[in-house]
Amino acid sequence: MNILVLGSGGREHTFAWKIAQSSKCDALFVAPGNSGTAEIATNVNIGVNDFKAIKELVLDKNIELVVVGPEDPLVNGVHDFFLNDDDIKHVAVIGPQQKAAELEGSKEFAKEFLYRHNIPTAAYDSFTKDTVEKGYTFLETLNPPYVLKADGLAAGKGVVILNDLVEAKAELKSMLVDAKFGEASNKVVIEEFLDGIELSCFVLTDGEHYKILPTAKDYKRIGEGDTGLNTGGMGAVSPVPFATDEFLQKIEDRIVKPTIAGFKTDNLPYVGFVFIGLIKVGDDPKVIEYNVRMGDPETEVVFPRLKNDLVEVLLAMANGTLDTIDIEIDERAATTIVLVSGGYPEAYEKGKEITGIETIEDSIPFHAGAVLKDGKIVTSGGRVMAITSYGDTYQEAIKKSYQNIEKLHFDKMNYRKDIGFDL
């Protein structure tokens, strides 16, 4: 069959890498793709939110399966667009419909869902610029640190954690009144701070059944020791060493099962990936957030550990037969280290030539913000490449990734040298 992946990051290169291995894939297209996907698929210069052009491509290339990588098109209703068009409604789309995508599109919607279904999460309240004074009062009832989240999509950067009450109030005003994150912070959710260690749980669902993929842990902050600004993610490890069988059972019983049941109760049509951001508080898991797609860079460590034919799994999700699939996992650990442009997550330059990729051995370079230009691979984004390795332990896998990073170069290349430090 002919398959289309929407997106251009490391996650989408990993999707394409895994799909290209399937005997069921005849032709693979990625829109818009990057320099990595160009090596294994046909890149098509179409934006992920250009639904009209996506439809034309699907009809022109006889595409039967569309895998949506990023959250934006899902929140904007790409799945509904297919279902409501007689020409393309037969095409299988992996990713929830718009109503369900609100779980990531609105922090408030997600918190209300969690509360309604008695899923463990932090206490919260939400505010607008008209209720900013009430927000100040609510902050005064909490112990520091204070967690402020822009309600809408802010490219993974809309969460601010502050220790000082005066600073927290100033930040709330900046988000609500001064529109620091644009429309994304028209509403701000303030949460109680949960003290613990974070991890991610990834669930596949066909709307009725579910399967759980390996856990992963990513590292969001730019600086060593988890300091500095939040990024889209600087590295990841899988499995998570502290996630014991007992702890994983708690995640399934207290969080995954009520989440999938909640989709049905609330009539949220969901065929796709559920990314559950968790925190381990004591010995108990609590939900920090939902994302309605795979994580990045977690995909780069989770999918390499999946032994199944990914296309078979995706078709079972689309056909409502996920219960017939047994998920098989590689016992080895996988780790990934993200190379970023100098200056990221603030201002950075693009167009820097990347050299040394062909010298990598025993690691997989997943391209992200990198494109082909005049026969050279050059940087095109903040997160440029994710270097993934296997190992019998995560320490061994991390070592391999760092050894291969030594062979790579682009001007002002930056990366964290302490991934896995806290495990």
Protein backbone atom coordinates (compact mmCIF):
# COMPACT_ATOMS: atom_id res chain seq x y z
CA MET A 1 0.00 0.00 0.00
CA ASN A 2 0.99 3.65 -0.41
CA ILE A 3 1.50 5.56 2.85
CA LEU A 4 1.85 9.24 3.79
CA VAL A 5 3.51 10.57 6.93
CA LEU A 6 2.75 14.19 7.86
CA GLY A 7 5.54 16.17 9.53
CA SER A 8 9.20 17.09 9.24
CA GLY A 9 10.93 16.30 12.56
CA GLY A 10 12.91 13.51 14.16
CA ARG A 11 9.66 11.79 15.12
CA GLU A 12 8.55 11.68 11.48
CA HIS A 13 11.93 10.42 10.26
CA THR A 14 11.63 7.62 12.84
CA PHE A 15 8.09 6.81 11.64
CA ALA A 16 9.33 6.70 8.05
CA TRP A 17 12.38 4.57 9.01
CA LYS A 18 10.13 2.02 10.69
CA ILE A 19 7.37 2.04 8.02
CA ALA A 20 9.95 1.64 5.21
CA GLN A 21 10.99 -1.71 6.77
CA SER A 22 7.48 -3.15 6.23
CA SER A 23 6.72 -5.51 3.35
CA LYS A 24 3.25 -3.95 3.29
CA CYS A 25 4.62 -0.54 2.25
CA ASP A 26 4.89 -0.10 -1.53
CA ALA A 27 5.50 3.64 -1.67
CA LEU A 28 6.18 6.06 1.16
CA PHE A 29 5.64 9.83 1.07
CA VAL A 30 6.49 12.40 3.74
CA ALA A 31 5.08 15.93 3.77
CA PRO A 32 7.11 18.06 4.08
CA GLY A 33 9.85 15.73 5.39
CA ASN A 34 13.55 16.45 5.91
CA SER A 35 16.98 15.32 4.69
CA GLY A 36 16.62 12.01 6.55
CA THR A 37 13.22 11.09 5.12
CA ALA A 38 14.51 12.04 1.64
CA GLU A 39 16.83 9.01 1.77
CA ILE A 40 14.02 6.46 2.38
CA ALA A 41 10.84 8.13 1.06
CA THR A 42 9.58 10.77 -1.35
CA ASN A 43 9.39 14.20 0.27
CA VAL A 44 6.51 16.41 -0.87
CA ASN A 45 6.70 20.13 -0.12
CA ILE A 46 3.27 20.47 1.51
CA GLY A 47 2.61 21.98 4.94
CA VAL A 48 0.95 19.77 7.57
CA ASN A 49 -2.04 22.14 7.81
CA ASP A 50 -2.61 22.51 4.06
CA PHE A 51 -5.50 20.01 4.02
CA LYS A 52 -6.54 20.81 0.43
CA ALA A 53 -3.05 20.04 -0.93
CA ILE A 54 -2.86 16.92 1.27
CA LYS A 55 -6.13 15.69 -0.27
CA GLU A 56 -4.79 16.26 -3.81
CA LEU A 57 -1.63 14.32 -2.96
CA VAL A 58 -3.61 11.43 -1.43
CA LEU A 59 -5.77 11.13 -4.56
CA ASP A 60 -2.88 11.62 -6.98
CA LYS A 61 -0.64 8.99 -5.34
CA ASN A 62 -3.44 6.58 -4.35
CA ILE A 63 -2.48 6.82 -0.67
CA GLU A 64 -4.43 4.47 1.64
CA LEU A 65 -2.90 5.28 5.04
CA VAL A 66 -2.03 8.67 6.54
CA VAL A 67 0.04 8.85 9.74
CA VAL A 68 -0.12 12.25 11.43
CA GLY A 69 3.10 13.14 13.26
CA PRO A 70 2.63 16.54 14.95
CA GLU A 71 -0.26 17.84 17.08
CA ASP A 72 -1.12 20.94 15.03
CA PRO A 73 -3.05 19.27 12.18
CA LEU A 74 -4.86 17.01 14.68
CA VAL A 75 -6.01 19.96 16.79
CA ASN A 76 -7.02 21.65 13.51
CA GLY A 77 -9.15 18.65 12.52
CA VAL A 78 -7.25 16.81 9.76
CA HIS A 79 -8.91 13.49 10.65
CA ASP A 80 -12.38 15.08 10.49
CA PHE A 81 -11.44 16.67 7.14
CA PHE A 82 -10.89 13.17 5.71
CA LEU A 83 -14.06 11.72 7.25
CA ASN A 84 -16.20 14.56 5.91
CA ASP A 85 -14.98 14.32 2.31
CA ASP A 86 -16.51 11.55 0.16
CA ASP A 87 -13.40 11.43 -2.06
CA ILE A 88 -11.04 10.50 0.78
CA LYS A 89 -13.16 9.21 3.67
CA HIS A 90 -12.03 5.63 2.85
CA VAL A 91 -8.40 6.56 3.68
CA ALA A 92 -7.21 5.37 7.10
CA VAL A 93 -5.94 8.23 9.27
CA ILE A 94 -3.84 7.57 12.39
CA GLY A 95 -4.51 10.36 14.86
CA PRO A 96 -7.58 11.35 16.92
CA GLN A 97 -10.44 13.46 15.64
CA GLN A 98 -10.59 17.16 16.55
CA LYS A 99 -12.85 16.72 19.57
CA ALA A 100 -10.40 14.26 21.16
CA ALA A 101 -7.34 16.29 20.09
CA GLU A 102 -8.50 18.98 22.54
CA LEU A 103 -6.76 16.85 25.18
CA GLU A 104 -3.58 18.47 23.89
CA GLY A 105 -5.15 21.58 22.37
CA SER A 106 -6.41 22.80 25.75
CA LYS A 107 -4.75 22.24 29.13
CA GLU A 108 -8.07 23.09 30.82
CA PHE A 109 -9.97 20.51 28.74
CA ALA A 110 -7.37 17.89 29.73
CA LYS A 111 -7.57 18.75 33.45
CA GLU A 112 -11.37 18.58 33.38
CA PHE A 113 -11.14 15.15 31.69
CA LEU A 114 -8.70 13.92 34.36
CA TYR A 115 -10.89 15.14 37.21
CA ARG A 116 -14.09 13.77 35.65
CA HIS A 117 -12.59 10.28 35.35
CA ASN A 118 -10.81 10.30 38.73
CA ILE A 119 -7.36 10.00 37.16
CA PRO A 120 -4.60 11.13 39.56
CA THR A 121 -3.23 14.59 38.70
CA ALA A 122 -2.23 17.88 40.35
CA ALA A 123 -4.81 20.27 41.84
CA TYR A 124 -5.43 23.23 39.50
CA ASP A 125 -7.55 26.20 38.48
CA SER A 126 -7.69 28.23 35.26
CA PHE A 127 -7.84 31.98 34.66
CA THR A 128 -8.29 34.59 31.91
CA LYS A 129 -7.21 38.23 31.76
CA ASP A 130 -10.60 39.14 33.30
CA THR A 131 -9.88 36.94 36.33
CA VAL A 132 -6.18 37.68 36.72
CA GLU A 133 -6.75 39.06 40.26
CA LYS A 134 -8.35 35.73 41.25
CA GLY A 135 -5.27 34.06 39.78
CA TYR A 136 -3.06 36.09 42.13
CA THR A 137 -5.23 34.99 45.06
CA PHE A 138 -5.04 31.32 43.96
CA LEU A 139 -1.24 31.53 43.74
CA GLU A 140 -1.21 32.73 47.35
CA THR A 141 -2.94 29.50 48.44
CA LEU A 142 -0.19 27.31 46.94
CA ASN A 143 3.27 26.41 48.17
CA PRO A 144 6.16 27.17 45.81
CA PRO A 145 7.25 26.34 43.20
CA TYR A 146 4.36 27.69 41.11
CA VAL A 147 3.41 26.02 37.81
CA LEU A 148 1.81 28.18 35.09
CA LYS A 149 0.69 26.61 31.82
CA ALA A 150 -0.56 28.39 28.71
CA ASP A 151 -3.88 26.68 27.89
CA GLY A 152 -3.25 26.35 24.14
CA LEU A 153 -0.45 25.01 21.96
CA ALA A 154 2.85 26.81 22.53
CA ALA A 155 5.27 24.40 20.82
CA GLY A 156 6.22 22.75 24.10
CA LYS A 157 7.37 26.03 25.63
CA GLY A 158 4.19 27.28 27.34
CA VAL A 159 4.97 25.95 30.82
CA VAL A 160 6.73 28.15 33.38
CA ILE A 161 7.84 27.02 36.86
CA LEU A 162 8.85 29.71 39.35
CA ASN A 163 9.87 29.67 43.03
CA ASP A 164 9.02 33.27 43.86
CA LEU A 165 5.41 34.38 44.41
CA VAL A 166 6.03 37.93 43.12
CA GLU A 167 7.66 36.54 39.97
CA ALA A 168 4.79 34.06 39.52
CA LYS A 169 2.24 36.89 39.67
CA ALA A 170 4.26 38.94 37.18
CA GLU A 171 4.49 35.92 34.86
CA LEU A 172 0.72 35.34 35.09
CA LYS A 173 0.15 38.96 34.06
CA SER A 174 2.69 38.59 31.23
CA MET A 175 0.91 35.49 29.91
CA LEU A 176 -2.69 36.71 30.27
CA VAL A 177 -2.56 40.49 29.88
CA ASP A 178 0.55 40.92 27.72
CA ALA A 179 -0.16 37.76 25.65
CA LYS A 180 3.37 36.38 26.09
CA PHE A 181 2.42 33.18 24.21
CA GLY A 182 -0.12 34.86 21.90
CA GLU A 183 -3.54 33.20 21.75
CA ALA A 184 -2.14 30.11 23.51
CA SER A 185 -2.13 32.07 26.79
CA ASN A 186 -5.58 33.68 26.52
CA LYS A 187 -6.25 31.26 29.35
CA VAL A 188 -3.68 30.03 31.87
CA VAL A 189 -3.88 26.93 34.06
CA ILE A 190 -2.17 27.21 37.46
CA GLU A 191 -1.26 23.88 39.04
CA GLU A 192 0.09 22.62 42.30
CA PHE A 193 3.73 21.57 41.89
CA LEU A 194 4.32 17.83 42.04
CA ASP A 195 7.75 16.82 43.31
CA GLY A 196 9.07 13.67 41.69
CA ILE A 197 10.75 12.24 38.60
CA GLU A 198 9.07 12.39 35.20
CA LEU A 199 8.52 9.73 32.55
CA SER A 200 6.34 9.18 29.50
CA CYS A 201 3.89 6.39 28.77
CA PHE A 202 2.82 5.72 25.17
CA VAL A 203 -0.45 3.98 24.37
CA LEU A 204 -1.86 2.81 21.05
CA THR A 205 -5.63 2.71 20.73
CA ASP A 206 -8.23 1.89 18.10
CA GLY A 207 -10.87 3.61 20.25
CA GLU A 208 -11.90 0.35 21.91
CA HIS A 209 -8.72 -1.60 22.68
CA TYR A 210 -5.28 -0.43 23.71
CA LYS A 211 -1.67 -1.58 23.75
CA ILE A 212 1.10 -0.01 25.81
CA LEU A 213 4.48 0.73 24.24
CA PRO A 214 7.73 0.91 26.25
CA THR A 215 8.12 3.80 28.68
CA ALA A 216 10.66 6.53 27.99
CA LYS A 217 12.10 9.52 29.80
CA ASP A 218 13.08 12.69 28.01
CA TYR A 219 15.12 15.70 29.08
CA LYS A 220 13.43 19.01 28.37
CA ARG A 221 15.83 21.66 29.61
CA ILE A 222 18.67 23.06 27.52
CA GLY A 223 21.33 22.96 30.23
CA GLU A 224 23.19 20.20 32.04
CA GLY A 225 21.61 19.08 35.30
CA ASP A 226 18.17 20.05 33.93
CA THR A 227 18.83 23.79 34.07
CA GLY A 228 17.92 26.66 31.77
CA LEU A 229 15.04 27.09 29.37
CA ASN A 230 12.58 24.41 28.29
CA THR A 231 13.11 22.93 24.83
CA GLY A 232 11.25 20.40 22.71
CA GLY A 233 13.55 17.74 24.23
CA MET A 234 17.32 17.21 24.38
CA GLY A 235 17.50 13.42 24.67
CA ALA A 236 15.63 10.34 25.86
CA VAL A 237 16.12 6.86 27.31
CA SER A 238 13.98 3.71 27.16
CA PRO A 239 13.13 1.73 29.21
CA VAL A 240 12.95 3.87 32.35
CA PRO A 241 15.03 2.08 35.01
CA PHE A 242 12.85 3.15 37.97
CA ALA A 243 9.60 1.98 36.31
CA THR A 244 9.26 -1.40 38.03
CA ASP A 245 6.63 -3.96 37.04
CA GLU A 246 4.58 -2.92 40.06
CA PHE A 247 4.77 0.76 39.09
CA LEU A 248 3.86 -0.03 35.45
CA GLN A 249 0.82 -1.95 36.71
CA LYS A 250 -0.29 1.14 38.66
CA ILE A 251 0.05 3.22 35.47
CA GLU A 252 -2.11 0.77 33.54
CA ASP A 253 -4.78 0.35 36.24
CA ARG A 254 -5.06 3.93 37.49
CA ILE A 255 -4.29 5.91 34.33
CA VAL A 256 -4.37 3.99 31.03
CA LYS A 257 -7.59 2.02 31.62
CA PRO A 258 -9.66 5.01 32.86
CA THR A 259 -8.24 7.16 30.04
CA ILE A 260 -9.37 4.76 27.29
CA ALA A 261 -12.72 4.22 29.08
CA GLY A 262 -13.06 8.00 29.37
CA PHE A 263 -12.72 8.40 25.59
CA LYS A 264 -15.75 6.15 25.14
CA THR A 265 -17.80 7.70 27.98
CA ASP A 266 -17.15 11.24 26.68
CA ASN A 267 -17.58 10.22 23.03
CA LEU A 268 -14.06 11.34 22.07
CA PRO A 269 -13.27 9.50 18.79
CA TYR A 270 -9.69 8.32 19.18
CA VAL A 271 -7.63 6.21 16.78
CA GLY A 272 -3.96 6.90 17.34
CA PHE A 273 -1.24 7.45 19.89
CA VAL A 274 -1.84 8.67 23.44
CA PHE A 275 1.24 10.19 25.03
CA ILE A 276 0.76 10.43 28.80
CA GLY A 277 3.25 12.66 30.57
CA LEU A 278 3.64 11.23 34.08
CA ILE A 279 5.42 12.04 37.32
CA LYS A 280 6.35 9.49 39.96
CA VAL A 281 5.46 11.01 43.34
CA GLY A 282 6.63 8.62 46.05
CA ASP A 283 5.57 5.28 44.58
CA ASP A 284 2.55 6.60 42.73
CA PRO A 285 2.10 7.86 39.15
CA LYS A 286 0.22 11.10 38.44
CA VAL A 287 -0.63 12.68 35.08
CA ILE A 288 1.09 15.95 34.15
CA GLU A 289 -0.37 16.19 30.64
CA TYR A 290 -1.77 14.37 27.63
CA ASN A 291 -0.39 14.70 24.13
CA VAL A 292 -2.34 13.28 21.22
CA ARG A 293 0.66 12.02 19.24
CA MET A 294 4.01 10.36 19.86
CA GLY A 295 6.64 12.38 21.71
CA ASP A 296 9.81 13.76 20.22
CA PRO A 297 12.57 12.69 20.98
CA GLU A 298 10.90 9.73 22.76
CA THR A 299 9.76 8.23 19.43
CA GLU A 300 13.45 7.90 18.53
CA VAL A 301 13.96 5.46 21.45
CA VAL A 302 10.54 3.77 21.59
CA PHE A 303 10.10 2.79 17.92
CA PRO A 304 13.59 1.29 17.52
CA ARG A 305 12.62 -1.09 20.37
CA LEU A 306 9.38 -2.16 18.64
CA LYS A 307 9.93 -5.48 16.89
CA ASN A 308 6.52 -5.57 15.16
CA ASP A 309 5.86 -4.57 11.57
CA LEU A 310 4.63 -1.01 12.25
CA VAL A 311 2.27 -0.98 9.26
CA GLU A 312 0.49 -4.08 10.58
CA VAL A 313 0.05 -2.34 13.93
CA LEU A 314 -1.21 0.88 12.33
CA LEU A 315 -3.73 -1.01 10.18
CA ALA A 316 -5.01 -2.88 13.25
CA MET A 317 -5.51 0.50 14.95
CA ALA A 318 -7.41 1.83 11.91
CA ASN A 319 -9.53 -1.35 11.59
CA GLY A 320 -10.46 -1.67 15.26
CA THR A 321 -8.59 -4.97 15.62
CA LEU A 322 -5.72 -3.89 17.89
CA ASP A 323 -6.66 -6.66 20.35
CA THR A 324 -5.39 -9.23 17.80
CA ILE A 325 -1.85 -7.79 17.86
CA ASP A 326 0.85 -8.85 20.33
CA ILE A 327 3.36 -6.07 20.83
CA GLU A 328 6.93 -7.40 20.76
CA ILE A 329 9.69 -5.35 22.37
CA ASP A 330 13.47 -5.52 21.96
CA GLU A 331 14.94 -6.20 25.41
CA ARG A 332 17.87 -3.87 24.76
CA ALA A 333 17.86 -0.30 26.01
CA ALA A 334 17.78 2.58 23.52
CA THR A 335 18.96 6.13 24.07
CA THR A 336 19.03 9.23 21.92
CA ILE A 337 20.99 12.48 22.20
CA VAL A 338 19.68 15.57 20.40
CA LEU A 339 22.02 17.95 18.59
CA VAL A 340 20.72 21.52 18.49
CA SER A 341 21.60 24.81 16.82
CA GLY A 342 23.66 27.27 18.87
CA GLY A 343 21.31 29.70 20.64
CA TYR A 344 18.32 27.33 20.67
CA PRO A 345 15.69 27.48 22.22
CA GLU A 346 16.09 31.22 21.66
CA ALA A 347 17.30 32.82 18.39
CA TYR A 348 19.59 30.67 16.23
CA GLU A 349 20.99 30.64 12.70
CA LYS A 350 20.03 28.16 9.98
CA GLY A 351 21.79 26.85 6.89
CA LYS A 352 24.89 25.42 8.62
CA GLU A 353 26.38 22.45 6.75
CA ILE A 354 26.32 19.15 8.71
CA THR A 355 29.29 16.85 8.12
CA GLY A 356 30.31 13.39 9.32
CA ILE A 357 26.91 11.66 9.07
CA GLU A 358 28.31 8.95 6.78
CA THR A 359 30.97 8.05 9.40
CA ILE A 360 28.42 7.05 12.07
CA GLU A 361 28.69 3.38 13.10
CA ASP A 362 26.38 1.37 15.35
CA SER A 363 24.00 4.32 15.91
CA ILE A 364 21.02 5.63 13.94
CA PRO A 365 20.99 9.33 13.02
CA PHE A 366 17.39 10.56 12.92
CA HIS A 367 17.25 13.89 11.11
CA ALA A 368 15.01 16.66 12.49
CA GLY A 369 15.75 20.29 11.60
CA ALA A 370 17.90 19.35 8.60
CA VAL A 371 17.27 19.62 4.86
CA LEU A 372 19.02 18.96 1.56
CA LYS A 373 20.26 22.11 -0.16
CA ASP A 374 22.51 22.12 -3.22
CA GLY A 375 23.55 18.54 -2.51
CA LYS A 376 24.51 19.27 1.09
CA ILE A 377 22.69 18.56 4.35
CA VAL A 378 22.20 21.83 6.23
CA THR A 379 20.46 22.87 9.45
CA SER A 380 16.89 24.18 9.14
CA GLY A 381 15.64 24.19 12.74
CA GLY A 382 16.53 24.33 16.42
CA ARG A 383 16.68 20.59 17.04
CA VAL A 384 18.82 19.31 14.19
CA MET A 385 19.43 15.59 14.71
CA ALA A 386 18.86 12.78 17.24
CA ILE A 387 21.56 10.11 17.56
CA THR A 388 20.00 6.82 18.74
CA SER A 389 21.88 3.76 19.96
CA TYR A 390 21.09 0.35 21.46
CA GLY A 391 22.87 -1.18 24.43
CA ASP A 392 22.46 -3.95 26.99
CA THR A 393 22.16 -1.08 29.50
CA TYR A 394 21.16 2.51 28.95
CA GLN A 395 24.68 3.57 30.04
CA GLU A 396 26.20 1.49 27.22
CA ALA A 397 23.72 2.92 24.71
CA ILE A 398 24.40 6.51 25.82
CA LYS A 399 28.16 5.94 25.48
CA LYS A 400 27.70 4.78 21.86
CA SER A 401 25.63 7.85 21.00
CA TYR A 402 28.24 10.20 22.47
CA GLN A 403 31.05 8.40 20.63
CA ASN A 404 29.25 8.94 17.32
CA ILE A 405 28.43 12.57 18.09
CA GLU A 406 32.23 13.17 18.18
CA LYS A 407 32.23 12.43 14.42
CA LEU A 408 29.57 15.01 13.59
CA HIS A 409 30.00 18.72 13.07
CA PHE A 410 28.07 21.86 12.22
CA ASP A 411 28.80 25.44 13.23
CA LYS A 412 27.74 26.19 16.84
CA MET A 413 26.50 22.61 17.38
CA ASN A 414 25.26 22.12 20.94
CA TYR A 415 24.06 19.11 22.96
CA ARG A 416 23.69 18.00 26.55
CA LYS A 417 26.52 15.85 27.85
CA ASP A 418 24.58 14.43 30.83
CA ILE A 419 21.58 12.56 29.39
CA GLY A 420 20.63 9.83 31.86
CA PHE A 421 22.49 11.61 34.69
CA ASP A 422 19.55 11.38 37.12
CA LEU A 423 18.88 7.65 36.75
